[in-house]
Amino acid sequence: MTKPRAARCARKSGGQRPAGLMGRDDQKPAWSEVRRTTRAEVSPATEALDVLLARQKAALERHFGLALGAWEKPQFLHYREGDFFVPHQDGNTPLIHDESRFRRISAVIFLNRQSDEPPPESYAGGSLVLHGPYSGPDLRVAMPALPGSLVAFRSETTHEVTPITRNERFTVVSRYRGA
């Protein structure tokens, strides 16, 4: 999906609002130091996302050696220049006792390209960076952002989105729960 088409999809789907944290839709002022992005409601016409997530489920179960259940409703995320998300985990951690504890696999679908070059449909900055385990080396791996690609990782993996330095980043995010 190109940037203009992704932006039209967001506008037609009922608007955008600040993306909350920990499953909450409200945006507390202090959260802007942790996460700055907007979330659009995805229209029912985008059922193709559910089809894609359903098709990937078996492959993800094999790859990660986990039995997966349902996936959460996909979130359409729109990052503008300066937007970011600090290093965090999506769930399956012993420190948090909310609904996120049932998340096993996080999935990010890129809708536009990341590039240092200035094509209008690409963005700069905004890398999805996965961090190595706490007990291992200080490992940080930036995932390539290719339109239509899906990147999946265990929900307890620390990861971040670095600040957008040019243009806009569009992604769809969902999480698979345990079976």
N, C-alpha and C. Protein backbone atom coordinates (compact mmCIF):
# COMPACT_ATOMS: atom_id res chain seq x y z
N MET A 1 0.86 -1.17 0.00
CA MET A 1 0.00 0.00 0.00
C MET A 1 0.90 1.23 0.00
N THR A 2 0.70 2.12 -0.91
CA THR A 2 1.52 3.33 -0.98
C THR A 2 1.11 4.30 0.11
N LYS A 3 1.99 5.27 0.38
CA LYS A 3 1.70 6.26 1.41
C LYS A 3 0.39 7.00 1.15
N PRO A 4 0.16 7.54 -0.05
CA PRO A 4 -1.11 8.24 -0.26
C PRO A 4 -2.31 7.34 -0.03
N ARG A 5 -2.25 6.09 -0.48
CA ARG A 5 -3.37 5.17 -0.27
C ARG A 5 -3.53 4.85 1.21
N ALA A 6 -2.43 4.65 1.92
CA ALA A 6 -2.49 4.38 3.36
C ALA A 6 -3.09 5.57 4.10
N ALA A 7 -2.69 6.78 3.73
CA ALA A 7 -3.23 7.98 4.38
C ALA A 7 -4.72 8.12 4.10
N ARG A 8 -5.15 7.84 2.86
CA ARG A 8 -6.57 7.90 2.54
C ARG A 8 -7.35 6.88 3.35
N CYS A 9 -6.78 5.68 3.50
CA CYS A 9 -7.41 4.63 4.29
C CYS A 9 -7.62 5.11 5.72
N ALA A 10 -6.62 5.77 6.29
CA ALA A 10 -6.72 6.27 7.67
C ALA A 10 -7.79 7.35 7.77
N ARG A 11 -7.83 8.25 6.81
CA ARG A 11 -8.80 9.34 6.86
C ARG A 11 -10.22 8.82 6.69
N LYS A 12 -10.42 7.86 5.78
CA LYS A 12 -11.75 7.35 5.52
C LYS A 12 -12.26 6.45 6.64
N SER A 13 -11.38 5.96 7.47
CA SER A 13 -11.76 4.97 8.45
C SER A 13 -12.28 5.55 9.75
N GLY A 14 -12.51 6.83 9.81
CA GLY A 14 -13.09 7.39 11.02
C GLY A 14 -12.11 8.24 11.81
N GLY A 15 -11.03 8.65 11.21
CA GLY A 15 -10.12 9.56 11.88
C GLY A 15 -9.02 8.87 12.65
N GLN A 16 -8.22 9.70 13.29
CA GLN A 16 -7.08 9.22 14.04
C GLN A 16 -7.12 9.83 15.43
N ARG A 17 -6.45 9.14 16.36
CA ARG A 17 -6.33 9.64 17.72
C ARG A 17 -4.98 9.19 18.24
N PRO A 18 -4.49 9.82 19.30
CA PRO A 18 -3.21 9.38 19.85
C PRO A 18 -3.29 7.91 20.25
N ALA A 19 -2.24 7.16 19.97
CA ALA A 19 -2.19 5.76 20.37
C ALA A 19 -1.85 5.69 21.85
N GLY A 20 -2.61 4.94 22.59
CA GLY A 20 -2.39 4.79 24.03
C GLY A 20 -1.32 3.76 24.34
N LEU A 21 -1.25 3.40 25.60
CA LEU A 21 -0.30 2.39 26.07
C LEU A 21 -1.04 1.34 26.88
N MET A 22 -0.48 0.14 26.93
CA MET A 22 -0.99 -0.95 27.75
C MET A 22 -2.46 -1.24 27.50
N GLY A 23 -2.85 -1.22 26.24
CA GLY A 23 -4.20 -1.55 25.86
C GLY A 23 -5.22 -0.45 26.11
N ARG A 24 -4.78 0.70 26.56
CA ARG A 24 -5.69 1.81 26.83
C ARG A 24 -5.70 2.75 25.64
N ASP A 25 -6.87 3.29 25.34
CA ASP A 25 -7.01 4.21 24.22
C ASP A 25 -6.74 5.66 24.60
N ASP A 26 -6.82 5.97 25.89
CA ASP A 26 -6.59 7.36 26.29
C ASP A 26 -5.10 7.67 26.28
N GLN A 27 -4.76 8.92 26.14
CA GLN A 27 -3.37 9.35 26.06
C GLN A 27 -3.07 10.28 27.22
N LYS A 28 -2.32 9.82 28.19
CA LYS A 28 -1.94 10.67 29.32
C LYS A 28 -0.80 11.58 28.88
N PRO A 29 -0.73 12.82 29.39
CA PRO A 29 0.32 13.75 28.96
C PRO A 29 1.74 13.19 29.13
N ALA A 30 2.00 12.48 30.21
CA ALA A 30 3.35 11.96 30.45
C ALA A 30 3.74 10.89 29.43
N TRP A 31 2.75 10.27 28.79
CA TRP A 31 3.05 9.21 27.83
C TRP A 31 3.74 9.73 26.58
N SER A 32 3.65 11.04 26.32
CA SER A 32 4.28 11.57 25.11
C SER A 32 5.80 11.45 25.17
N GLU A 33 6.34 11.19 26.35
CA GLU A 33 7.78 10.95 26.48
C GLU A 33 8.13 9.49 26.18
N VAL A 34 7.10 8.63 26.12
CA VAL A 34 7.30 7.21 25.88
C VAL A 34 6.92 6.82 24.46
N ARG A 35 5.81 7.35 24.01
CA ARG A 35 5.29 6.99 22.68
C ARG A 35 4.59 8.18 22.08
N ARG A 36 4.94 8.48 20.85
CA ARG A 36 4.25 9.53 20.12
C ARG A 36 3.91 8.99 18.74
N THR A 37 2.65 8.64 18.55
CA THR A 37 2.13 8.18 17.27
C THR A 37 0.62 8.26 17.32
N THR A 38 -0.01 8.16 16.18
CA THR A 38 -1.47 8.16 16.16
C THR A 38 -1.97 6.81 15.67
N ARG A 39 -3.20 6.53 16.03
CA ARG A 39 -3.82 5.25 15.67
C ARG A 39 -5.12 5.56 14.95
N ALA A 40 -5.33 4.93 13.82
CA ALA A 40 -6.56 5.12 13.05
C ALA A 40 -7.42 3.88 13.20
N GLU A 41 -8.71 4.08 13.20
CA GLU A 41 -9.62 2.94 13.15
C GLU A 41 -9.58 2.39 11.73
N VAL A 42 -9.42 1.09 11.63
CA VAL A 42 -9.36 0.44 10.32
C VAL A 42 -10.77 0.01 9.97
N SER A 43 -11.21 0.38 8.79
CA SER A 43 -12.58 0.09 8.39
C SER A 43 -12.78 -1.42 8.21
N PRO A 44 -14.03 -1.88 8.32
CA PRO A 44 -14.31 -3.31 8.11
C PRO A 44 -13.91 -3.79 6.72
N ALA A 45 -13.77 -2.87 5.77
CA ALA A 45 -13.39 -3.25 4.41
C ALA A 45 -11.97 -3.80 4.34
N THR A 46 -11.20 -3.64 5.40
CA THR A 46 -9.81 -4.11 5.39
C THR A 46 -9.72 -5.52 5.98
N GLU A 47 -10.70 -6.35 5.71
CA GLU A 47 -10.70 -7.73 6.19
C GLU A 47 -9.51 -8.50 5.65
N ALA A 48 -8.86 -7.98 4.62
CA ALA A 48 -7.68 -8.64 4.07
C ALA A 48 -6.59 -8.78 5.13
N LEU A 49 -6.56 -7.87 6.09
CA LEU A 49 -5.58 -7.98 7.18
C LEU A 49 -5.83 -9.24 8.00
N ASP A 50 -7.08 -9.54 8.30
CA ASP A 50 -7.40 -10.76 9.04
C ASP A 50 -7.03 -12.00 8.24
N VAL A 51 -7.26 -11.94 6.94
CA VAL A 51 -6.89 -13.08 6.07
C VAL A 51 -5.38 -13.28 6.12
N LEU A 52 -4.62 -12.18 6.01
CA LEU A 52 -3.16 -12.27 6.06
C LEU A 52 -2.69 -12.84 7.40
N LEU A 53 -3.23 -12.35 8.50
CA LEU A 53 -2.84 -12.83 9.82
C LEU A 53 -3.22 -14.30 10.00
N ALA A 54 -4.36 -14.71 9.48
CA ALA A 54 -4.77 -16.11 9.56
C ALA A 54 -3.82 -17.01 8.77
N ARG A 55 -3.43 -16.54 7.59
CA ARG A 55 -2.52 -17.34 6.75
C ARG A 55 -1.13 -17.49 7.38
N GLN A 56 -0.70 -16.52 8.14
CA GLN A 56 0.63 -16.56 8.74
C GLN A 56 0.68 -17.36 10.03
N LYS A 57 -0.46 -17.62 10.64
CA LYS A 57 -0.51 -18.25 11.96
C LYS A 57 0.24 -19.59 12.02
N ALA A 58 -0.03 -20.49 11.10
CA ALA A 58 0.63 -21.81 11.12
C ALA A 58 2.14 -21.69 10.95
N ALA A 59 2.57 -20.83 10.05
CA ALA A 59 4.02 -20.64 9.84
C ALA A 59 4.68 -20.07 11.10
N LEU A 60 3.99 -19.13 11.76
CA LEU A 60 4.54 -18.56 12.99
C LEU A 60 4.58 -19.59 14.12
N GLU A 61 3.57 -20.44 14.19
CA GLU A 61 3.57 -21.50 15.20
C GLU A 61 4.77 -22.43 15.00
N ARG A 62 5.02 -22.81 13.75
CA ARG A 62 6.18 -23.68 13.45
C ARG A 62 7.49 -22.97 13.78
N HIS A 63 7.62 -21.73 13.34
CA HIS A 63 8.87 -21.00 13.53
C HIS A 63 9.19 -20.79 15.01
N PHE A 64 8.20 -20.39 15.79
CA PHE A 64 8.45 -20.07 17.19
C PHE A 64 8.20 -21.26 18.13
N GLY A 65 7.67 -22.38 17.61
CA GLY A 65 7.41 -23.54 18.45
C GLY A 65 6.35 -23.28 19.50
N LEU A 66 5.32 -22.51 19.13
CA LEU A 66 4.25 -22.15 20.05
C LEU A 66 2.90 -22.48 19.44
N ALA A 67 1.94 -22.83 20.28
CA ALA A 67 0.55 -22.95 19.84
C ALA A 67 -0.08 -21.57 20.02
N LEU A 68 -0.57 -21.01 18.93
CA LEU A 68 -1.15 -19.68 18.97
C LEU A 68 -2.67 -19.73 18.85
N GLY A 69 -3.31 -18.81 19.52
CA GLY A 69 -4.76 -18.68 19.45
C GLY A 69 -5.13 -17.55 18.52
N ALA A 70 -6.09 -16.77 18.95
CA ALA A 70 -6.58 -15.65 18.15
C ALA A 70 -5.57 -14.51 18.14
N TRP A 71 -5.72 -13.62 17.18
CA TRP A 71 -4.90 -12.42 17.12
C TRP A 71 -5.77 -11.24 17.48
N GLU A 72 -5.12 -10.20 17.97
CA GLU A 72 -5.84 -8.99 18.35
C GLU A 72 -6.24 -8.20 17.11
N LYS A 73 -7.26 -7.39 17.25
CA LYS A 73 -7.70 -6.53 16.15
C LYS A 73 -6.51 -5.70 15.67
N PRO A 74 -6.23 -5.73 14.37
CA PRO A 74 -5.09 -4.96 13.85
C PRO A 74 -5.22 -3.47 14.13
N GLN A 75 -4.10 -2.85 14.44
CA GLN A 75 -4.02 -1.41 14.67
C GLN A 75 -3.28 -0.78 13.50
N PHE A 76 -3.85 0.26 12.93
CA PHE A 76 -3.20 1.03 11.86
C PHE A 76 -2.48 2.18 12.55
N LEU A 77 -1.13 2.20 12.51
CA LEU A 77 -0.34 3.22 13.19
C LEU A 77 0.29 4.17 12.18
N HIS A 78 0.21 5.45 12.49
CA HIS A 78 0.71 6.52 11.63
C HIS A 78 1.71 7.33 12.43
N TYR A 79 2.98 7.25 12.04
CA TYR A 79 4.04 8.01 12.70
C TYR A 79 4.41 9.19 11.80
N ARG A 80 4.41 10.39 12.37
CA ARG A 80 4.82 11.60 11.65
C ARG A 80 6.23 11.99 12.09
N GLU A 81 6.82 12.98 11.44
CA GLU A 81 8.16 13.42 11.83
C GLU A 81 8.20 13.71 13.32
N GLY A 82 9.22 13.17 13.98
CA GLY A 82 9.38 13.34 15.42
C GLY A 82 8.71 12.26 16.25
N ASP A 83 7.80 11.48 15.67
CA ASP A 83 7.12 10.41 16.42
C ASP A 83 8.08 9.25 16.67
N PHE A 84 7.82 8.48 17.73
CA PHE A 84 8.71 7.40 18.16
C PHE A 84 7.98 6.51 19.16
N PHE A 85 8.64 5.43 19.57
CA PHE A 85 8.19 4.59 20.68
C PHE A 85 9.46 4.06 21.35
N VAL A 86 9.66 4.40 22.61
CA VAL A 86 10.88 4.01 23.34
C VAL A 86 10.96 2.49 23.47
N PRO A 87 12.15 1.95 23.82
CA PRO A 87 12.26 0.50 24.01
C PRO A 87 11.20 0.00 25.00
N HIS A 88 10.51 -1.08 24.61
CA HIS A 88 9.43 -1.62 25.41
C HIS A 88 9.18 -3.07 25.01
N GLN A 89 8.29 -3.72 25.71
CA GLN A 89 7.84 -5.07 25.39
C GLN A 89 6.33 -5.02 25.21
N ASP A 90 5.80 -5.88 24.36
CA ASP A 90 4.36 -5.89 24.10
C ASP A 90 3.57 -6.76 25.06
N GLY A 91 4.24 -7.64 25.77
CA GLY A 91 3.51 -8.51 26.69
C GLY A 91 4.28 -9.76 27.01
N ASN A 92 3.56 -10.72 27.64
CA ASN A 92 4.12 -11.99 28.05
C ASN A 92 5.29 -11.79 29.00
N THR A 93 5.19 -10.76 29.84
CA THR A 93 6.22 -10.48 30.82
C THR A 93 5.65 -10.63 32.23
N PRO A 94 6.43 -11.10 33.18
CA PRO A 94 5.90 -11.34 34.53
C PRO A 94 5.63 -10.07 35.32
N LEU A 95 6.10 -8.92 34.86
CA LEU A 95 5.93 -7.69 35.62
C LEU A 95 4.58 -7.01 35.40
N ILE A 96 3.89 -7.37 34.35
CA ILE A 96 2.63 -6.72 34.02
C ILE A 96 1.51 -7.74 34.15
N HIS A 97 0.45 -7.36 34.82
CA HIS A 97 -0.66 -8.28 35.07
C HIS A 97 -1.95 -7.80 34.42
N ASP A 98 -1.86 -7.37 33.17
CA ASP A 98 -3.05 -6.98 32.43
C ASP A 98 -3.25 -7.97 31.28
N GLU A 99 -4.10 -7.63 30.35
CA GLU A 99 -4.39 -8.52 29.23
C GLU A 99 -3.17 -8.82 28.35
N SER A 100 -2.15 -7.96 28.38
CA SER A 100 -0.98 -8.18 27.53
C SER A 100 -0.20 -9.43 27.93
N ARG A 101 -0.45 -9.96 29.12
CA ARG A 101 0.29 -11.16 29.55
C ARG A 101 -0.04 -12.38 28.69
N PHE A 102 -1.14 -12.32 27.92
CA PHE A 102 -1.53 -13.43 27.07
C PHE A 102 -0.93 -13.34 25.67
N ARG A 103 -0.29 -12.23 25.37
CA ARG A 103 0.32 -12.05 24.05
C ARG A 103 1.57 -12.93 23.94
N ARG A 104 1.71 -13.60 22.79
CA ARG A 104 2.89 -14.45 22.58
C ARG A 104 3.76 -13.95 21.42
N ILE A 105 3.13 -13.55 20.33
CA ILE A 105 3.86 -13.11 19.14
C ILE A 105 3.31 -11.76 18.68
N SER A 106 4.20 -10.81 18.44
CA SER A 106 3.84 -9.50 17.89
C SER A 106 4.15 -9.50 16.41
N ALA A 107 3.31 -8.85 15.63
CA ALA A 107 3.50 -8.79 14.18
C ALA A 107 3.34 -7.35 13.70
N VAL A 108 4.28 -6.92 12.87
CA VAL A 108 4.25 -5.58 12.28
C VAL A 108 4.24 -5.75 10.76
N ILE A 109 3.29 -5.11 10.11
CA ILE A 109 3.23 -5.12 8.65
C ILE A 109 3.56 -3.71 8.17
N PHE A 110 4.58 -3.60 7.34
CA PHE A 110 5.01 -2.29 6.83
C PHE A 110 4.19 -1.94 5.58
N LEU A 111 3.68 -0.72 5.55
CA LEU A 111 2.88 -0.27 4.41
C LEU A 111 3.63 0.66 3.47
N ASN A 112 4.73 1.25 3.95
CA ASN A 112 5.55 2.06 3.06
C ASN A 112 7.03 1.83 3.38
N ARG A 113 7.89 2.29 2.50
CA ARG A 113 9.32 1.99 2.53
C ARG A 113 10.10 3.00 3.36
N GLN A 114 11.09 2.47 4.06
CA GLN A 114 12.05 3.31 4.78
C GLN A 114 13.25 3.50 3.86
N SER A 115 13.69 4.73 3.71
CA SER A 115 14.80 5.01 2.80
C SER A 115 15.45 6.33 3.18
N ASP A 116 16.77 6.39 3.04
CA ASP A 116 17.46 7.67 3.24
C ASP A 116 17.31 8.58 2.03
N GLU A 117 16.86 8.00 0.92
CA GLU A 117 16.62 8.77 -0.30
C GLU A 117 15.29 9.51 -0.16
N PRO A 118 15.10 10.57 -0.91
CA PRO A 118 13.89 11.39 -0.72
C PRO A 118 12.64 11.05 -1.52
N PRO A 119 12.41 9.83 -2.01
CA PRO A 119 11.14 9.61 -2.71
C PRO A 119 9.96 9.95 -1.79
N PRO A 120 8.90 10.56 -2.32
CA PRO A 120 7.80 11.02 -1.47
C PRO A 120 7.07 9.92 -0.72
N GLU A 121 7.09 8.69 -1.23
CA GLU A 121 6.35 7.62 -0.55
C GLU A 121 7.17 6.91 0.53
N SER A 122 8.43 7.31 0.72
CA SER A 122 9.27 6.67 1.74
C SER A 122 9.45 7.61 2.93
N TYR A 123 9.98 7.05 4.01
CA TYR A 123 10.26 7.83 5.21
C TYR A 123 11.68 7.53 5.66
N ALA A 124 12.23 8.42 6.49
CA ALA A 124 13.57 8.22 7.06
C ALA A 124 13.44 8.17 8.58
N GLY A 125 14.40 7.51 9.21
CA GLY A 125 14.30 7.26 10.64
C GLY A 125 13.23 6.21 10.83
N GLY A 126 12.63 6.15 12.02
CA GLY A 126 11.50 5.26 12.25
C GLY A 126 11.81 3.79 12.15
N SER A 127 13.05 3.39 12.47
CA SER A 127 13.42 1.97 12.39
C SER A 127 12.75 1.17 13.50
N LEU A 128 12.27 -0.02 13.15
CA LEU A 128 11.86 -0.99 14.15
C LEU A 128 13.14 -1.71 14.56
N VAL A 129 13.55 -1.52 15.81
CA VAL A 129 14.81 -2.09 16.29
C VAL A 129 14.49 -3.12 17.37
N LEU A 130 14.95 -4.36 17.15
CA LEU A 130 14.80 -5.42 18.13
C LEU A 130 16.06 -5.49 18.98
N HIS A 131 15.89 -5.63 20.28
CA HIS A 131 17.02 -5.70 21.21
C HIS A 131 17.25 -7.15 21.60
N GLY A 132 18.53 -7.50 21.83
CA GLY A 132 18.87 -8.84 22.28
C GLY A 132 18.41 -9.06 23.71
N PRO A 133 18.48 -10.31 24.17
CA PRO A 133 18.05 -10.62 25.54
C PRO A 133 18.94 -9.91 26.57
N TYR A 134 18.36 -9.67 27.74
CA TYR A 134 19.10 -8.98 28.80
C TYR A 134 20.37 -9.72 29.19
N SER A 135 20.33 -11.04 29.14
CA SER A 135 21.50 -11.81 29.56
C SER A 135 22.58 -11.89 28.49
N GLY A 136 22.27 -11.49 27.28
CA GLY A 136 23.22 -11.60 26.18
C GLY A 136 23.92 -10.29 25.90
N PRO A 137 24.57 -10.22 24.75
CA PRO A 137 25.28 -8.99 24.39
C PRO A 137 24.30 -7.86 24.09
N ASP A 138 24.82 -6.65 24.05
CA ASP A 138 24.00 -5.48 23.75
C ASP A 138 23.68 -5.47 22.26
N LEU A 139 22.77 -6.33 21.87
CA LEU A 139 22.44 -6.53 20.47
C LEU A 139 21.23 -5.68 20.10
N ARG A 140 21.34 -4.95 18.99
CA ARG A 140 20.22 -4.16 18.45
C ARG A 140 20.19 -4.40 16.95
N VAL A 141 19.06 -4.88 16.46
CA VAL A 141 18.92 -5.19 15.05
C VAL A 141 17.75 -4.41 14.46
N ALA A 142 18.05 -3.58 13.46
CA ALA A 142 17.00 -2.82 12.77
C ALA A 142 16.39 -3.71 11.68
N MET A 143 15.08 -3.80 11.68
CA MET A 143 14.37 -4.62 10.70
C MET A 143 14.16 -3.82 9.42
N PRO A 144 14.39 -4.43 8.25
CA PRO A 144 14.15 -3.71 7.00
C PRO A 144 12.65 -3.46 6.81
N ALA A 145 12.32 -2.26 6.41
CA ALA A 145 10.92 -1.87 6.21
C ALA A 145 10.59 -1.89 4.73
N LEU A 146 10.08 -3.01 4.27
CA LEU A 146 9.68 -3.15 2.87
C LEU A 146 8.16 -3.22 2.81
N PRO A 147 7.55 -2.45 1.93
CA PRO A 147 6.08 -2.44 1.86
C PRO A 147 5.52 -3.85 1.69
N GLY A 148 4.56 -4.19 2.54
CA GLY A 148 3.92 -5.50 2.48
C GLY A 148 4.61 -6.57 3.30
N SER A 149 5.80 -6.28 3.83
CA SER A 149 6.50 -7.30 4.61
C SER A 149 5.94 -7.37 6.03
N LEU A 150 5.98 -8.57 6.59
CA LEU A 150 5.53 -8.81 7.96
C LEU A 150 6.74 -9.22 8.78
N VAL A 151 6.95 -8.55 9.89
CA VAL A 151 8.02 -8.91 10.83
C VAL A 151 7.34 -9.39 12.10
N ALA A 152 7.70 -10.59 12.55
CA ALA A 152 7.10 -11.15 13.76
C ALA A 152 8.21 -11.47 14.77
N PHE A 153 7.89 -11.29 16.05
CA PHE A 153 8.84 -11.57 17.12
C PHE A 153 8.07 -11.88 18.39
N ARG A 154 8.74 -12.55 19.32
CA ARG A 154 8.09 -12.87 20.60
C ARG A 154 7.71 -11.56 21.30
N SER A 155 6.54 -11.53 21.90
CA SER A 155 6.03 -10.30 22.50
C SER A 155 6.87 -9.81 23.67
N GLU A 156 7.64 -10.68 24.30
CA GLU A 156 8.51 -10.25 25.40
C GLU A 156 9.83 -9.67 24.91
N THR A 157 10.04 -9.63 23.61
CA THR A 157 11.25 -9.04 23.03
C THR A 157 11.22 -7.53 23.19
N THR A 158 12.27 -6.97 23.75
CA THR A 158 12.37 -5.52 23.84
C THR A 158 12.61 -4.98 22.43
N HIS A 159 11.85 -3.94 22.08
CA HIS A 159 11.96 -3.33 20.76
C HIS A 159 11.55 -1.87 20.86
N GLU A 160 11.86 -1.12 19.81
CA GLU A 160 11.55 0.31 19.78
C GLU A 160 11.30 0.76 18.35
N VAL A 161 10.74 1.94 18.22
CA VAL A 161 10.65 2.63 16.93
C VAL A 161 11.41 3.93 17.12
N THR A 162 12.50 4.09 16.37
CA THR A 162 13.31 5.30 16.49
C THR A 162 12.55 6.49 15.90
N PRO A 163 12.91 7.71 16.27
CA PRO A 163 12.17 8.89 15.78
C PRO A 163 12.18 9.00 14.25
N ILE A 164 11.04 9.38 13.72
CA ILE A 164 10.91 9.64 12.28
C ILE A 164 11.63 10.95 12.00
N THR A 165 12.50 10.96 11.01
CA THR A 165 13.24 12.17 10.68
C THR A 165 12.76 12.84 9.39
N ARG A 166 12.01 12.10 8.57
CA ARG A 166 11.46 12.68 7.35
C ARG A 166 10.21 11.91 6.94
N ASN A 167 9.18 12.65 6.61
CA ASN A 167 7.95 12.12 6.05
C ASN A 167 7.13 11.34 7.08
N GLU A 168 6.41 10.30 6.66
CA GLU A 168 5.49 9.57 7.53
C GLU A 168 5.67 8.07 7.37
N ARG A 169 5.48 7.35 8.46
CA ARG A 169 5.60 5.88 8.50
C ARG A 169 4.22 5.30 8.77
N PHE A 170 3.82 4.30 7.97
CA PHE A 170 2.54 3.64 8.13
C PHE A 170 2.77 2.15 8.37
N THR A 171 2.18 1.63 9.45
CA THR A 171 2.28 0.20 9.74
C THR A 171 0.95 -0.31 10.27
N VAL A 172 0.80 -1.62 10.22
CA VAL A 172 -0.29 -2.31 10.88
C VAL A 172 0.35 -3.22 11.91
N VAL A 173 -0.21 -3.23 13.12
CA VAL A 173 0.35 -4.02 14.22
C VAL A 173 -0.75 -4.91 14.79
N SER A 174 -0.39 -6.15 15.09
CA SER A 174 -1.29 -7.06 15.79
C SER A 174 -0.45 -7.97 16.67
N ARG A 175 -1.11 -8.66 17.57
CA ARG A 175 -0.42 -9.64 18.43
C ARG A 175 -1.25 -10.90 18.49
N TYR A 176 -0.55 -12.03 18.38
CA TYR A 176 -1.19 -13.33 18.53
C TYR A 176 -1.14 -13.72 20.00
N ARG A 177 -2.22 -14.28 20.48
CA ARG A 177 -2.29 -14.73 21.87
C ARG A 177 -1.98 -16.22 21.93
N GLY A 178 -1.69 -16.71 23.11
CA GLY A 178 -1.44 -18.13 23.29
C GLY A 178 -2.73 -18.93 23.12
N ALA A 179 -2.58 -20.18 22.73
CA ALA A 179 -3.75 -21.05 22.52
C ALA A 179 -4.32 -21.51 23.85
